[in-house]
Amino acid sequence: MYFEEVDFDGFILKINDIADINYVHPIVEHSWGQRVVRFYDPDKHIIEV
């Protein structure tokens, strides 16, 4: 699943408070400036924000 977030930094602060997040990879900044993070939901689906 893919989601867009206007306040990406605020979102990251909120998920950093969740101890058991299993990340696919940390924050990545693409050459065009878009930042993304990927992690698994409880059912092991990949979520991208």
N, C-alpha and C. Protein backbone atom coordinates (compact mmCIF):
# COMPACT_ATOMS: atom_id res chain seq x y z
N MET A 1 0.84 -1.17 0.00
CA MET A 1 0.00 0.00 0.00
C MET A 1 0.89 1.24 0.00
N TYR A 2 0.37 2.28 -0.61
CA TYR A 2 1.13 3.52 -0.72
C TYR A 2 0.27 4.66 -0.19
N PHE A 3 0.88 5.51 0.61
CA PHE A 3 0.19 6.68 1.15
C PHE A 3 1.08 7.90 0.97
N GLU A 4 0.46 9.06 0.82
CA GLU A 4 1.20 10.32 0.80
C GLU A 4 0.88 11.07 2.07
N GLU A 5 1.88 11.78 2.60
CA GLU A 5 1.73 12.53 3.84
C GLU A 5 2.28 13.93 3.63
N VAL A 6 1.46 14.94 3.94
CA VAL A 6 1.89 16.33 3.80
C VAL A 6 2.99 16.64 4.82
N ASP A 7 2.80 16.17 6.06
CA ASP A 7 3.78 16.43 7.13
C ASP A 7 4.61 15.16 7.36
N PHE A 8 5.52 14.89 6.43
CA PHE A 8 6.32 13.67 6.49
C PHE A 8 7.15 13.62 7.78
N ASP A 9 7.77 14.74 8.15
CA ASP A 9 8.59 14.75 9.37
C ASP A 9 7.75 14.45 10.60
N GLY A 10 6.54 15.02 10.67
CA GLY A 10 5.64 14.74 11.79
C GLY A 10 5.23 13.28 11.82
N PHE A 11 4.99 12.70 10.65
CA PHE A 11 4.64 11.28 10.57
C PHE A 11 5.78 10.42 11.10
N ILE A 12 7.00 10.75 10.68
CA ILE A 12 8.17 9.98 11.14
C ILE A 12 8.31 10.07 12.65
N LEU A 13 8.08 11.25 13.22
CA LEU A 13 8.15 11.39 14.68
C LEU A 13 7.13 10.49 15.36
N LYS A 14 5.94 10.38 14.79
CA LYS A 14 4.91 9.53 15.39
C LYS A 14 5.27 8.05 15.30
N ILE A 15 5.74 7.60 14.14
CA ILE A 15 6.03 6.16 14.06
C ILE A 15 7.31 5.80 14.81
N ASN A 16 8.18 6.77 15.05
CA ASN A 16 9.37 6.49 15.85
C ASN A 16 9.01 6.15 17.29
N ASP A 17 7.82 6.56 17.74
CA ASP A 17 7.36 6.24 19.09
C ASP A 17 6.85 4.80 19.20
N ILE A 18 6.69 4.13 18.06
CA ILE A 18 6.21 2.74 18.06
C ILE A 18 7.42 1.82 18.04
N ALA A 19 7.62 1.09 19.11
CA ALA A 19 8.85 0.31 19.29
C ALA A 19 8.97 -0.88 18.34
N ASP A 20 7.85 -1.47 17.96
CA ASP A 20 7.94 -2.72 17.21
C ASP A 20 7.70 -2.56 15.71
N ILE A 21 8.04 -1.41 15.15
CA ILE A 21 7.94 -1.22 13.69
C ILE A 21 9.06 -2.03 13.03
N ASN A 22 8.70 -2.80 12.04
CA ASN A 22 9.68 -3.59 11.28
C ASN A 22 9.85 -2.91 9.92
N TYR A 23 10.96 -2.20 9.74
CA TYR A 23 11.20 -1.43 8.53
C TYR A 23 11.73 -2.30 7.40
N VAL A 24 11.24 -2.05 6.19
CA VAL A 24 11.83 -2.63 4.99
C VAL A 24 13.15 -1.92 4.73
N HIS A 25 13.13 -0.59 4.88
CA HIS A 25 14.33 0.23 4.79
C HIS A 25 14.06 1.55 5.50
N PRO A 26 15.11 2.23 5.93
CA PRO A 26 14.93 3.53 6.57
C PRO A 26 14.50 4.57 5.53
N ILE A 27 14.40 5.81 5.94
CA ILE A 27 14.01 6.90 5.04
C ILE A 27 15.00 6.99 3.89
N VAL A 28 14.44 7.07 2.68
CA VAL A 28 15.24 7.23 1.47
C VAL A 28 14.83 8.54 0.83
N GLU A 29 15.80 9.35 0.41
CA GLU A 29 15.49 10.56 -0.35
C GLU A 29 15.94 10.35 -1.78
N HIS A 30 14.97 10.41 -2.69
CA HIS A 30 15.27 10.23 -4.11
C HIS A 30 15.91 11.49 -4.68
N SER A 31 16.53 11.36 -5.84
CA SER A 31 17.23 12.48 -6.47
C SER A 31 16.30 13.65 -6.78
N TRP A 32 15.00 13.41 -6.93
CA TRP A 32 14.04 14.48 -7.22
C TRP A 32 13.47 15.09 -5.95
N GLY A 33 13.93 14.64 -4.77
CA GLY A 33 13.57 15.25 -3.50
C GLY A 33 12.49 14.53 -2.71
N GLN A 34 11.82 13.56 -3.30
CA GLN A 34 10.80 12.82 -2.57
C GLN A 34 11.45 11.91 -1.54
N ARG A 35 10.90 11.93 -0.32
CA ARG A 35 11.37 11.04 0.73
C ARG A 35 10.32 9.96 0.97
N VAL A 36 10.78 8.74 1.17
CA VAL A 36 9.88 7.62 1.42
C VAL A 36 10.43 6.75 2.54
N VAL A 37 9.53 6.07 3.20
CA VAL A 37 9.89 5.06 4.18
C VAL A 37 8.98 3.86 3.91
N ARG A 38 9.51 2.68 4.08
CA ARG A 38 8.73 1.45 3.90
C ARG A 38 8.84 0.61 5.16
N PHE A 39 7.71 0.07 5.56
CA PHE A 39 7.67 -0.80 6.73
C PHE A 39 6.55 -1.82 6.54
N TYR A 40 6.56 -2.84 7.41
CA TYR A 40 5.55 -3.90 7.34
C TYR A 40 4.41 -3.61 8.30
N ASP A 41 3.18 -3.88 7.85
CA ASP A 41 2.04 -3.80 8.76
C ASP A 41 1.99 -5.12 9.55
N PRO A 42 1.06 -5.24 10.51
CA PRO A 42 1.02 -6.47 11.32
C PRO A 42 0.81 -7.76 10.52
N ASP A 43 0.22 -7.64 9.32
CA ASP A 43 0.00 -8.82 8.47
C ASP A 43 1.13 -9.03 7.47
N LYS A 44 2.21 -8.28 7.64
CA LYS A 44 3.42 -8.38 6.80
C LYS A 44 3.24 -7.83 5.39
N HIS A 45 2.26 -6.94 5.19
CA HIS A 45 2.15 -6.22 3.93
C HIS A 45 3.08 -5.01 4.00
N ILE A 46 3.64 -4.63 2.88
CA ILE A 46 4.54 -3.47 2.85
C ILE A 46 3.72 -2.20 2.72
N ILE A 47 4.01 -1.25 3.59
CA ILE A 47 3.40 0.08 3.57
C ILE A 47 4.47 1.07 3.17
N GLU A 48 4.17 1.92 2.20
CA GLU A 48 5.10 2.98 1.80
C GLU A 48 4.44 4.32 2.03
N VAL A 49 5.18 5.22 2.65
CA VAL A 49 4.70 6.59 2.88
C VAL A 49 5.76 7.51 2.34
